[in-house]
Amino acid sequence: MPLTPRLVGIAILSVLFIALTIAITAGVFDSLDLQIAQDTHQLWQPSLHPLFQVIAELGGLELTTVLMLALTLYLWRGGFGSDALVFIAFIAAQGFELFYKLNLHHPAPPLSLAQSDGPSISEAFASNAGLGNSFPSGHMLRAVIVYGLIAFVIARLSPSRGVRTGAVIGAIAVIAVLAFDRLYMDVHWESDVIGGVVLGAIALLAGTVWLDRPRKTEN
């Protein structure tokens, strides 16, 4: 896929993310956020709680960081050298997420709705730092970047069409299931989930642009 459509996609998604930020600040999503949270709360089954806590780990800081480090090491040791710098997209996006949660007033769903999330060091950090804001969803942000990049690399390098297709479908499935998990657990508003997906998609596209950048030809 040419780089130009991806660069245009980054620009469009960036405008969309800014528009989403403005809409959230103006309270446009408040009613819809609450309605969806209440609807998903009605679906809650205590017996399924452990399962959804496990699903939450798919987007947790610990697992996604390990997977990103593994991908970086694979690229480095596989002779792709500077391609390993794609890790910067992962770090930069999380830095942007932290900036938003420190500066954009958008409280998480109330405890009367939210269920206990999967254990993560990020939850402890958020509590100690007083981060009560929830936009964008860090789980969705990390999932889109990490699973998207893994699928992209597999699609570029695997000689098997079945493996390439499976990697892409698998990444989409993980992201979709995790998005439902965030809403089912009522730990994020739907606007947070959308924001995490959009911001993650920006970083993912930026990462693929780096991986597919023009190379200097050797004489």
C-alpha atoms as a PDB file:
ATOM      1  CA  MET A   1       0.000   0.000   0.000  1.00  0.00           C
ATOM      2  CA  PRO A   2       1.445   3.421  -0.968  1.00  0.00           C
ATOM      3  CA  LEU A   3       2.464   5.805   1.793  1.00  0.00           C
ATOM      4  CA  THR A   4       0.364   8.756   0.604  1.00  0.00           C
ATOM      5  CA  PRO A   5      -3.049   7.269   1.554  1.00  0.00           C
ATOM      6  CA  ARG A   6      -1.685   6.474   5.011  1.00  0.00           C
ATOM      7  CA  LEU A   7      -0.370   9.994   5.468  1.00  0.00           C
ATOM      8  CA  VAL A   8      -3.764  11.342   4.411  1.00  0.00           C
ATOM      9  CA  GLY A   9      -5.368   8.893   6.837  1.00  0.00           C
ATOM     10  CA  ILE A  10      -3.200  10.217   9.673  1.00  0.00           C
ATOM     11  CA  ALA A  11      -4.273  13.771   8.854  1.00  0.00           C
ATOM     12  CA  ILE A  12      -7.968  12.841   8.719  1.00  0.00           C
ATOM     13  CA  LEU A  13      -7.830  10.848  11.951  1.00  0.00           C
ATOM     14  CA  SER A  14      -5.972  13.694  13.668  1.00  0.00           C
ATOM     15  CA  VAL A  15      -8.737  16.117  12.705  1.00  0.00           C
ATOM     16  CA  LEU A  16     -11.298  13.569  13.894  1.00  0.00           C
ATOM     17  CA  PHE A  17      -9.514  13.191  17.233  1.00  0.00           C
ATOM     18  CA  ILE A  18      -9.439  16.961  17.720  1.00  0.00           C
ATOM     19  CA  ALA A  19     -13.139  17.176  16.835  1.00  0.00           C
ATOM     20  CA  LEU A  20     -13.861  14.365  19.290  1.00  0.00           C
ATOM     21  CA  THR A  21     -11.949  16.221  21.994  1.00  0.00           C
ATOM     22  CA  ILE A  22     -13.971  19.385  21.362  1.00  0.00           C
ATOM     23  CA  ALA A  23     -17.231  17.422  21.391  1.00  0.00           C
ATOM     24  CA  ILE A  24     -16.369  15.766  24.707  1.00  0.00           C
ATOM     25  CA  THR A  25     -15.388  19.086  26.240  1.00  0.00           C
ATOM     26  CA  ALA A  26     -18.736  20.523  25.105  1.00  0.00           C
ATOM     27  CA  GLY A  27     -20.603  17.579  26.648  1.00  0.00           C
ATOM     28  CA  VAL A  28     -21.963  16.306  23.333  1.00  0.00           C
ATOM     29  CA  PHE A  29     -21.366  12.671  24.302  1.00  0.00           C
ATOM     30  CA  ASP A  30     -22.613  12.886  27.893  1.00  0.00           C
ATOM     31  CA  SER A  31     -26.111  11.560  27.280  1.00  0.00           C
ATOM     32  CA  LEU A  32     -25.036   8.798  24.898  1.00  0.00           C
ATOM     33  CA  ASP A  33     -22.156   7.778  27.179  1.00  0.00           C
ATOM     34  CA  LEU A  34     -24.495   7.386  30.139  1.00  0.00           C
ATOM     35  CA  GLN A  35     -27.144   5.540  28.145  1.00  0.00           C
ATOM     36  CA  ILE A  36     -24.693   2.975  26.770  1.00  0.00           C
ATOM     37  CA  ALA A  37     -23.089   2.526  30.201  1.00  0.00           C
ATOM     38  CA  GLN A  38     -26.485   1.851  31.770  1.00  0.00           C
ATOM     39  CA  ASP A  39     -27.434  -0.574  29.003  1.00  0.00           C
ATOM     40  CA  THR A  40     -24.222  -2.583  29.333  1.00  0.00           C
ATOM     41  CA  HIS A  41     -24.610  -2.555  33.111  1.00  0.00           C
ATOM     42  CA  GLN A  42     -27.897  -4.406  32.645  1.00  0.00           C
ATOM     43  CA  LEU A  43     -26.025  -7.153  30.772  1.00  0.00           C
ATOM     44  CA  TRP A  44     -23.675  -7.772  33.686  1.00  0.00           C
ATOM     45  CA  GLN A  45     -23.282 -11.378  34.852  1.00  0.00           C
ATOM     46  CA  PRO A  46     -21.092 -11.961  37.947  1.00  0.00           C
ATOM     47  CA  SER A  47     -20.090 -15.400  36.699  1.00  0.00           C
ATOM     48  CA  LEU A  48     -18.461 -13.827  33.624  1.00  0.00           C
ATOM     49  CA  HIS A  49     -16.437 -11.296  35.594  1.00  0.00           C
ATOM     50  CA  PRO A  50     -13.198 -13.363  35.757  1.00  0.00           C
ATOM     51  CA  LEU A  51     -13.368 -13.952  31.991  1.00  0.00           C
ATOM     52  CA  PHE A  52     -13.659 -10.264  31.218  1.00  0.00           C
ATOM     53  CA  GLN A  53     -10.872  -9.449  33.654  1.00  0.00           C
ATOM     54  CA  VAL A  54      -8.660 -11.821  31.649  1.00  0.00           C
ATOM     55  CA  ILE A  55      -9.761 -10.176  28.398  1.00  0.00           C
ATOM     56  CA  ALA A  56      -8.815  -6.811  29.907  1.00  0.00           C
ATOM     57  CA  GLU A  57      -5.238  -8.024  30.228  1.00  0.00           C
ATOM     58  CA  LEU A  58      -4.985  -8.112  26.417  1.00  0.00           C
ATOM     59  CA  GLY A  59      -4.789  -4.330  26.492  1.00  0.00           C
ATOM     60  CA  GLY A  60      -2.967  -4.022  29.801  1.00  0.00           C
ATOM     61  CA  LEU A  61       0.257  -2.079  30.045  1.00  0.00           C
ATOM     62  CA  GLU A  62       2.239  -5.162  31.033  1.00  0.00           C
ATOM     63  CA  LEU A  63       1.285  -7.531  28.195  1.00  0.00           C
ATOM     64  CA  THR A  64       1.280  -4.916  25.443  1.00  0.00           C
ATOM     65  CA  THR A  65       4.689  -3.623  26.536  1.00  0.00           C
ATOM     66  CA  VAL A  66       6.131  -7.153  26.520  1.00  0.00           C
ATOM     67  CA  LEU A  67       4.667  -7.800  23.065  1.00  0.00           C
ATOM     68  CA  MET A  68       5.992  -4.490  21.754  1.00  0.00           C
ATOM     69  CA  LEU A  69       9.439  -5.237  23.153  1.00  0.00           C
ATOM     70  CA  ALA A  70       9.330  -8.688  21.551  1.00  0.00           C
ATOM     71  CA  LEU A  71       8.430  -7.166  18.185  1.00  0.00           C
ATOM     72  CA  THR A  72      11.189  -4.595  18.537  1.00  0.00           C
ATOM     73  CA  LEU A  73      13.739  -7.284  19.413  1.00  0.00           C
ATOM     74  CA  TYR A  74      12.583  -9.415  16.486  1.00  0.00           C
ATOM     75  CA  LEU A  75      13.052  -6.533  14.060  1.00  0.00           C
ATOM     76  CA  TRP A  76      16.436  -5.654  15.535  1.00  0.00           C
ATOM     77  CA  ARG A  77      17.809  -9.195  15.551  1.00  0.00           C
ATOM     78  CA  GLY A  78      16.227  -9.966  12.201  1.00  0.00           C
ATOM     79  CA  GLY A  79      18.471  -7.477  10.480  1.00  0.00           C
ATOM     80  CA  PHE A  80      15.879  -4.725  10.102  1.00  0.00           C
ATOM     81  CA  GLY A  81      17.911  -2.347  12.264  1.00  0.00           C
ATOM     82  CA  SER A  82      16.243   1.047  12.411  1.00  0.00           C
ATOM     83  CA  ASP A  83      12.803  -0.501  11.864  1.00  0.00           C
ATOM     84  CA  ALA A  84      12.945  -1.342  15.567  1.00  0.00           C
ATOM     85  CA  LEU A  85      12.467   2.376  16.228  1.00  0.00           C
ATOM     86  CA  VAL A  86       8.773   1.797  15.544  1.00  0.00           C
ATOM     87  CA  PHE A  87       8.646   1.317  19.330  1.00  0.00           C
ATOM     88  CA  ILE A  88       8.665   5.119  19.555  1.00  0.00           C
ATOM     89  CA  ALA A  89       5.119   5.223  18.174  1.00  0.00           C
ATOM     90  CA  PHE A  90       3.987   3.108  21.131  1.00  0.00           C
ATOM     91  CA  ILE A  91       5.727   5.332  23.680  1.00  0.00           C
ATOM     92  CA  ALA A  92       4.644   8.605  22.066  1.00  0.00           C
ATOM     93  CA  ALA A  93       0.992   7.553  21.947  1.00  0.00           C
ATOM     94  CA  GLN A  94       1.007   6.636  25.632  1.00  0.00           C
ATOM     95  CA  GLY A  95       2.627   9.957  26.435  1.00  0.00           C
ATOM     96  CA  PHE A  96      -0.187  11.665  24.562  1.00  0.00           C
ATOM     97  CA  GLU A  97      -2.748   9.578  26.448  1.00  0.00           C
ATOM     98  CA  LEU A  98      -1.228  10.638  29.773  1.00  0.00           C
ATOM     99  CA  PHE A  99      -1.261  14.288  28.703  1.00  0.00           C
ATOM    100  CA  TYR A 100      -4.963  14.058  27.914  1.00  0.00           C
ATOM    101  CA  LYS A 101      -5.844  12.334  31.167  1.00  0.00           C
ATOM    102  CA  LEU A 102      -3.991  15.009  33.096  1.00  0.00           C
ATOM    103  CA  ASN A 103      -5.567  17.914  31.259  1.00  0.00           C
ATOM    104  CA  LEU A 104      -8.974  16.966  29.841  1.00  0.00           C
ATOM    105  CA  HIS A 105     -11.736  16.842  32.451  1.00  0.00           C
ATOM    106  CA  HIS A 106     -13.685  13.708  31.606  1.00  0.00           C
ATOM    107  CA  PRO A 107     -14.322  11.592  34.731  1.00  0.00           C
ATOM    108  CA  ALA A 108     -14.532   7.819  34.410  1.00  0.00           C
ATOM    109  CA  PRO A 109     -17.888   6.031  34.908  1.00  0.00           C
ATOM    110  CA  PRO A 110     -19.052   6.131  38.528  1.00  0.00           C
ATOM    111  CA  LEU A 111     -18.344   3.254  40.895  1.00  0.00           C
ATOM    112  CA  SER A 112     -22.065   2.462  40.918  1.00  0.00           C
ATOM    113  CA  LEU A 113     -21.644   1.268  37.324  1.00  0.00           C
ATOM    114  CA  ALA A 114     -18.008   0.189  37.003  1.00  0.00           C
ATOM    115  CA  GLN A 115     -16.771  -3.292  37.832  1.00  0.00           C
ATOM    116  CA  SER A 116     -13.297  -4.132  39.107  1.00  0.00           C
ATOM    117  CA  ASP A 117     -10.923  -4.167  36.144  1.00  0.00           C
ATOM    118  CA  GLY A 118      -8.154  -6.623  35.384  1.00  0.00           C
ATOM    119  CA  PRO A 119      -5.109  -6.092  37.652  1.00  0.00           C
ATOM    120  CA  SER A 120      -2.537  -3.729  36.176  1.00  0.00           C
ATOM    121  CA  ILE A 121       0.231  -1.468  37.385  1.00  0.00           C
ATOM    122  CA  SER A 122      -1.349   1.310  35.334  1.00  0.00           C
ATOM    123  CA  GLU A 123      -4.414   1.228  37.603  1.00  0.00           C
ATOM    124  CA  ALA A 124      -2.248   1.698  40.692  1.00  0.00           C
ATOM    125  CA  PHE A 125      -0.352   4.500  38.999  1.00  0.00           C
ATOM    126  CA  ALA A 126      -3.582   6.232  37.992  1.00  0.00           C
ATOM    127  CA  SER A 127      -4.904   6.055  41.546  1.00  0.00           C
ATOM    128  CA  ASN A 128      -1.688   7.359  43.106  1.00  0.00           C
ATOM    129  CA  ALA A 129      -1.397  10.142  40.546  1.00  0.00           C
ATOM    130  CA  GLY A 130      -5.009  11.149  41.010  1.00  0.00           C
ATOM    131  CA  LEU A 131      -5.902  10.456  37.381  1.00  0.00           C
ATOM    132  CA  GLY A 132      -9.689  10.303  37.488  1.00  0.00           C
ATOM    133  CA  ASN A 133     -10.109  11.230  33.830  1.00  0.00           C
ATOM    134  CA  SER A 134     -10.707   8.432  31.348  1.00  0.00           C
ATOM    135  CA  PHE A 135     -10.312   9.835  27.828  1.00  0.00           C
ATOM    136  CA  PRO A 136      -8.888   8.189  25.797  1.00  0.00           C
ATOM    137  CA  SER A 137      -8.902   4.502  26.737  1.00  0.00           C
ATOM    138  CA  GLY A 138      -5.318   3.354  27.216  1.00  0.00           C
ATOM    139  CA  HIS A 139      -6.304  -0.283  26.738  1.00  0.00           C
ATOM    140  CA  MET A 140      -7.756   0.455  23.304  1.00  0.00           C
ATOM    141  CA  LEU A 141      -4.854   2.717  22.374  1.00  0.00           C
ATOM    142  CA  ARG A 142      -2.268   0.057  23.185  1.00  0.00           C
ATOM    143  CA  ALA A 143      -4.240  -2.768  21.595  1.00  0.00           C
ATOM    144  CA  VAL A 144      -4.649  -1.004  18.257  1.00  0.00           C
ATOM    145  CA  ILE A 145      -0.951  -0.127  18.089  1.00  0.00           C
ATOM    146  CA  VAL A 146       0.556  -3.403  19.298  1.00  0.00           C
ATOM    147  CA  TYR A 147      -1.722  -5.963  17.672  1.00  0.00           C
ATOM    148  CA  GLY A 148      -1.959  -3.821  14.568  1.00  0.00           C
ATOM    149  CA  LEU A 149       1.818  -3.617  14.187  1.00  0.00           C
ATOM    150  CA  ILE A 150       2.290  -7.324  14.866  1.00  0.00           C
ATOM    151  CA  ALA A 151      -0.294  -8.137  12.184  1.00  0.00           C
ATOM    152  CA  PHE A 152       1.359  -5.664   9.801  1.00  0.00           C
ATOM    153  CA  VAL A 153       4.811  -7.194  10.235  1.00  0.00           C
ATOM    154  CA  ILE A 154       3.460 -10.733   9.829  1.00  0.00           C
ATOM    155  CA  ALA A 155       1.553  -9.664   6.710  1.00  0.00           C
ATOM    156  CA  ARG A 156       4.763  -8.211   5.277  1.00  0.00           C
ATOM    157  CA  LEU A 157       7.090 -11.091   6.101  1.00  0.00           C
ATOM    158  CA  SER A 158       5.111 -14.342   6.152  1.00  0.00           C
ATOM    159  CA  PRO A 159       5.141 -16.344   2.905  1.00  0.00           C
ATOM    160  CA  SER A 160       1.859 -18.011   3.886  1.00  0.00           C
ATOM    161  CA  ARG A 161      -1.298 -16.265   2.762  1.00  0.00           C
ATOM    162  CA  GLY A 162      -3.259 -18.082   5.459  1.00  0.00           C
ATOM    163  CA  VAL A 163      -0.920 -16.820   8.186  1.00  0.00           C
ATOM    164  CA  ARG A 164      -1.097 -13.268   6.830  1.00  0.00           C
ATOM    165  CA  THR A 165      -4.887 -13.315   6.732  1.00  0.00           C
ATOM    166  CA  GLY A 166      -5.089 -14.951  10.156  1.00  0.00           C
ATOM    167  CA  ALA A 167      -2.829 -12.299  11.685  1.00  0.00           C
ATOM    168  CA  VAL A 168      -5.018  -9.469  10.391  1.00  0.00           C
ATOM    169  CA  ILE A 169      -8.269 -11.158  11.437  1.00  0.00           C
ATOM    170  CA  GLY A 170      -6.783 -12.007  14.824  1.00  0.00           C
ATOM    171  CA  ALA A 171      -5.726  -8.413  15.464  1.00  0.00           C
ATOM    172  CA  ILE A 172      -9.168  -7.090  14.519  1.00  0.00           C
ATOM    173  CA  ALA A 173     -10.845  -9.702  16.730  1.00  0.00           C
ATOM    174  CA  VAL A 174      -8.707  -8.826  19.764  1.00  0.00           C
ATOM    175  CA  ILE A 175      -9.417  -5.121  19.332  1.00  0.00           C
ATOM    176  CA  ALA A 176     -13.162  -5.696  18.917  1.00  0.00           C
ATOM    177  CA  VAL A 177     -13.419  -8.019  21.927  1.00  0.00           C
ATOM    178  CA  LEU A 178     -11.426  -5.617  24.070  1.00  0.00           C
ATOM    179  CA  ALA A 179     -13.650  -2.709  23.019  1.00  0.00           C
ATOM    180  CA  PHE A 180     -16.705  -4.661  24.195  1.00  0.00           C
ATOM    181  CA  ASP A 181     -14.838  -5.572  27.385  1.00  0.00           C
ATOM    182  CA  ARG A 182     -14.243  -1.897  28.205  1.00  0.00           C
ATOM    183  CA  LEU A 183     -17.952  -1.150  27.831  1.00  0.00           C
ATOM    184  CA  TYR A 184     -19.184  -4.348  29.489  1.00  0.00           C
ATOM    185  CA  MET A 185     -16.971  -3.710  32.516  1.00  0.00           C
ATOM    186  CA  ASP A 186     -18.180  -0.079  32.555  1.00  0.00           C
ATOM    187  CA  VAL A 187     -14.623   1.130  33.187  1.00  0.00           C
ATOM    188  CA  HIS A 188     -14.786   3.453  30.167  1.00  0.00           C
ATOM    189  CA  TRP A 189     -17.403   5.478  28.367  1.00  0.00           C
ATOM    190  CA  GLU A 190     -17.971   4.651  24.708  1.00  0.00           C
ATOM    191  CA  SER A 191     -16.409   8.014  23.815  1.00  0.00           C
ATOM    192  CA  ASP A 192     -13.228   6.884  25.624  1.00  0.00           C
ATOM    193  CA  VAL A 193     -13.180   3.688  23.566  1.00  0.00           C
ATOM    194  CA  ILE A 194     -13.633   5.613  20.316  1.00  0.00           C
ATOM    195  CA  GLY A 195     -10.899   8.047  21.328  1.00  0.00           C
ATOM    196  CA  GLY A 196      -8.497   5.213  22.154  1.00  0.00           C
ATOM    197  CA  VAL A 197      -9.149   3.524  18.816  1.00  0.00           C
ATOM    198  CA  VAL A 198      -8.683   6.755  16.846  1.00  0.00           C
ATOM    199  CA  LEU A 199      -5.491   7.766  18.646  1.00  0.00           C
ATOM    200  CA  GLY A 200      -4.179   4.220  18.385  1.00  0.00           C
ATOM    201  CA  ALA A 201      -4.945   4.175  14.663  1.00  0.00           C
ATOM    202  CA  ILE A 202      -2.957   7.396  14.183  1.00  0.00           C
ATOM    203  CA  ALA A 203       0.067   5.851  15.906  1.00  0.00           C
ATOM    204  CA  LEU A 204      -0.408   2.568  14.030  1.00  0.00           C
ATOM    205  CA  LEU A 205      -0.453   4.302  10.647  1.00  0.00           C
ATOM    206  CA  ALA A 206       2.596   6.344  11.645  1.00  0.00           C
ATOM    207  CA  GLY A 207       4.362   3.117  12.586  1.00  0.00           C
ATOM    208  CA  THR A 208       3.543   1.469   9.257  1.00  0.00           C
ATOM    209  CA  VAL A 209       4.740   4.557   7.396  1.00  0.00           C
ATOM    210  CA  TRP A 210       8.065   4.220   9.207  1.00  0.00           C
ATOM    211  CA  LEU A 211       8.303   0.511   8.430  1.00  0.00           C
ATOM    212  CA  ASP A 212       7.500   1.120   4.753  1.00  0.00           C
ATOM    213  CA  ARG A 213       9.583   4.269   4.394  1.00  0.00           C
ATOM    214  CA  PRO A 214      11.709   4.626   1.229  1.00  0.00           C
ATOM    215  CA  ARG A 215      15.112   2.969   1.623  1.00  0.00           C
ATOM    216  CA  LYS A 216      18.411   4.225   0.273  1.00  0.00           C
ATOM    217  CA  THR A 217      19.592   2.041  -2.544  1.00  0.00           C
ATOM    218  CA  GLU A 218      23.099   0.689  -2.258  1.00  0.00           C
ATOM    219  CA  ASN A 219      25.487   1.200  -5.175  1.00  0.00           C
END
